[in-house]
C-alpha cells in the first residue's frame, strides 16, 4: 500500500516538473508595449519593447533610441523619460526596491 502511494506521488511530482520545464524559459517576454507611470505625478507613457541583437529586452524612447531594459522595461522607461529630471532635481535616490502603494 505504501509503495504504491509513494510511487504515485513520485510519478505526479515528475509529471509536474516536466510540465513546468516545457513551459519555456522563465521571464520570457513577448515583444509588445509597456506602460510606465511617474512616481512624482500623474504622467504616463507607453513605448514598444523588443528583443535586441544581444537577446536582451530593449525599450524605445520617444526620440527613437532603443536602450536595454535594466530592472524592468517599465522601470527603465519611467526613469529615462517622465521621471528623468524630477529625480535629479530632488536628489532623490530613485533606486530599485522601493515599495509603492496604488489605490
Foldseek 3Di string as FASTA:
>chain_A
DVVVVVVVVVVVVVVVVVVVVVVDDPPDDAWAKDKAAEPVDGDIDMWTWDQDPVRAIWTAAPVGDTDGDDPHNRVVNRCVPVCVVVCVVVVHPPDPDDDDDDD
